Amino acid sequence: MLKAFIEKYQKAYGSVPDTVAALAYDATLVAVDAMKRAPDTSARRCGMPSPRRRTSRAWPARSPSTPSAMRRNVAP
């Protein structure tokens, strides 16, 4: 697999891949493999509400914007 990566890289860029390119390639392979192995996490399957159905009151949560509201931990 490493030999194929080096050949493809050289063909595309005309030089030998550096360490960062090799690490990025490896990390991408790990991420793709993890996504293939992961269970289905769609909103319906997990019982979570669809992002489109969220109301502005519930999400996103508003943070206090004034110093006094921050101290009292209440919304302005």
C-alpha atoms as a PDB file:
ATOM      1  CA  MET A   1       0.000   0.000   0.000  1.00  0.00           C
ATOM      2  CA  LEU A   2       2.838   2.386   0.797  1.00  0.00           C
ATOM      3  CA  LYS A   3       4.490   1.714  -2.540  1.00  0.00           C
ATOM      4  CA  ALA A   4       1.242   2.474  -4.390  1.00  0.00           C
ATOM      5  CA  PHE A   5       0.883   5.769  -2.468  1.00  0.00           C
ATOM      6  CA  ILE A   6       4.422   6.834  -3.317  1.00  0.00           C
ATOM      7  CA  GLU A   7       3.915   6.022  -7.013  1.00  0.00           C
ATOM      8  CA  LYS A   8       0.598   7.903  -7.174  1.00  0.00           C
ATOM      9  CA  TYR A   9       2.089  10.894  -5.353  1.00  0.00           C
ATOM     10  CA  GLN A  10       5.090  11.045  -7.659  1.00  0.00           C
ATOM     11  CA  LYS A  11       2.840  10.832 -10.712  1.00  0.00           C
ATOM     12  CA  ALA A  12       0.583  13.631  -9.445  1.00  0.00           C
ATOM     13  CA  TYR A  13       3.194  16.021  -8.017  1.00  0.00           C
ATOM     14  CA  GLY A  14       6.496  15.008  -9.625  1.00  0.00           C
ATOM     15  CA  SER A  15       8.352  14.577  -6.334  1.00  0.00           C
ATOM     16  CA  VAL A  16       8.736  12.147  -3.461  1.00  0.00           C
ATOM     17  CA  PRO A  17       6.097  12.624  -0.725  1.00  0.00           C
ATOM     18  CA  ASP A  18       7.323  14.214   2.480  1.00  0.00           C
ATOM     19  CA  THR A  19       6.458  13.072   5.999  1.00  0.00           C
ATOM     20  CA  VAL A  20       3.398  15.305   6.280  1.00  0.00           C
ATOM     21  CA  ALA A  21       1.912  13.935   3.054  1.00  0.00           C
ATOM     22  CA  ALA A  22       2.441  10.359   4.223  1.00  0.00           C
ATOM     23  CA  LEU A  23       0.896  11.079   7.633  1.00  0.00           C
ATOM     24  CA  ALA A  24      -2.097  12.805   6.024  1.00  0.00           C
ATOM     25  CA  TYR A  25      -2.621   9.841   3.716  1.00  0.00           C
ATOM     26  CA  ASP A  26      -2.420   7.413   6.625  1.00  0.00           C
ATOM     27  CA  ALA A  27      -4.783   9.493   8.764  1.00  0.00           C
ATOM     28  CA  THR A  28      -7.287   9.623   5.907  1.00  0.00           C
ATOM     29  CA  LEU A  29      -7.201   5.837   5.569  1.00  0.00           C
ATOM     30  CA  VAL A  30      -7.794   5.459   9.314  1.00  0.00           C
ATOM     31  CA  ALA A  31     -10.737   7.894   9.238  1.00  0.00           C
ATOM     32  CA  VAL A  32     -12.339   6.179   6.224  1.00  0.00           C
ATOM     33  CA  ASP A  33     -11.949   2.770   7.873  1.00  0.00           C
ATOM     34  CA  ALA A  34     -13.510   4.068  11.098  1.00  0.00           C
ATOM     35  CA  MET A  35     -16.490   5.503   9.202  1.00  0.00           C
ATOM     36  CA  LYS A  36     -17.031   2.210   7.399  1.00  0.00           C
ATOM     37  CA  ARG A  37     -16.974   0.259  10.682  1.00  0.00           C
ATOM     38  CA  ALA A  38     -19.119   2.698  12.684  1.00  0.00           C
ATOM     39  CA  PRO A  39     -22.758   1.844  13.335  1.00  0.00           C
ATOM     40  CA  ASP A  40     -25.532   3.909  11.781  1.00  0.00           C
ATOM     41  CA  THR A  41     -25.855   7.100  13.824  1.00  0.00           C
ATOM     42  CA  SER A  42     -28.577   8.865  11.907  1.00  0.00           C
ATOM     43  CA  ALA A  43     -30.982  10.981  13.962  1.00  0.00           C
ATOM     44  CA  ARG A  44     -33.943   8.686  13.377  1.00  0.00           C
ATOM     45  CA  ARG A  45     -32.098   5.551  14.397  1.00  0.00           C
ATOM     46  CA  CYS A  46     -30.797   7.109  17.617  1.00  0.00           C
ATOM     47  CA  GLY A  47     -34.170   8.560  18.560  1.00  0.00           C
ATOM     48  CA  MET A  48     -32.883  12.117  18.385  1.00  0.00           C
ATOM     49  CA  PRO A  49     -34.964  14.878  16.859  1.00  0.00           C
ATOM     50  CA  SER A  50     -34.077  15.973  13.367  1.00  0.00           C
ATOM     51  CA  PRO A  51     -32.005  19.190  13.255  1.00  0.00           C
ATOM     52  CA  ARG A  52     -34.759  20.779  11.146  1.00  0.00           C
ATOM     53  CA  ARG A  53     -37.324  20.236  13.888  1.00  0.00           C
ATOM     54  CA  ARG A  54     -35.375  22.027  16.595  1.00  0.00           C
ATOM     55  CA  THR A  55     -36.865  25.267  17.798  1.00  0.00           C
ATOM     56  CA  SER A  56     -34.926  28.429  18.388  1.00  0.00           C
ATOM     57  CA  ARG A  57     -35.800  28.229  22.097  1.00  0.00           C
ATOM     58  CA  ALA A  58     -34.204  24.823  22.545  1.00  0.00           C
ATOM     59  CA  TRP A  59     -31.230  25.098  20.237  1.00  0.00           C
ATOM     60  CA  PRO A  60     -28.781  26.691  20.089  1.00  0.00           C
ATOM     61  CA  ALA A  61     -28.630  27.574  23.740  1.00  0.00           C
ATOM     62  CA  ARG A  62     -28.206  31.279  24.370  1.00  0.00           C
ATOM     63  CA  SER A  63     -25.415  32.345  26.633  1.00  0.00           C
ATOM     64  CA  PRO A  64     -25.615  35.345  28.953  1.00  0.00           C
ATOM     65  CA  SER A  65     -24.231  38.424  27.253  1.00  0.00           C
ATOM     66  CA  THR A  66     -24.036  40.962  30.068  1.00  0.00           C
ATOM     67  CA  PRO A  67     -21.674  40.788  33.049  1.00  0.00           C
ATOM     68  CA  SER A  68     -24.528  40.934  35.583  1.00  0.00           C
ATOM     69  CA  ALA A  69     -26.409  38.160  33.762  1.00  0.00           C
ATOM     70  CA  MET A  70     -23.235  36.072  33.736  1.00  0.00           C
ATOM     71  CA  ARG A  71     -22.847  36.434  37.486  1.00  0.00           C
ATOM     72  CA  ARG A  72     -26.459  35.495  38.123  1.00  0.00           C
ATOM     73  CA  ASN A  73     -26.391  32.796  35.416  1.00  0.00           C
ATOM     74  CA  VAL A  74     -29.576  34.054  33.769  1.00  0.00           C
ATOM     75  CA  ALA A  75     -30.357  35.016  30.225  1.00  0.00           C
ATOM     76  CA  PRO A  76     -30.537  38.764  29.521  1.00  0.00           C
END
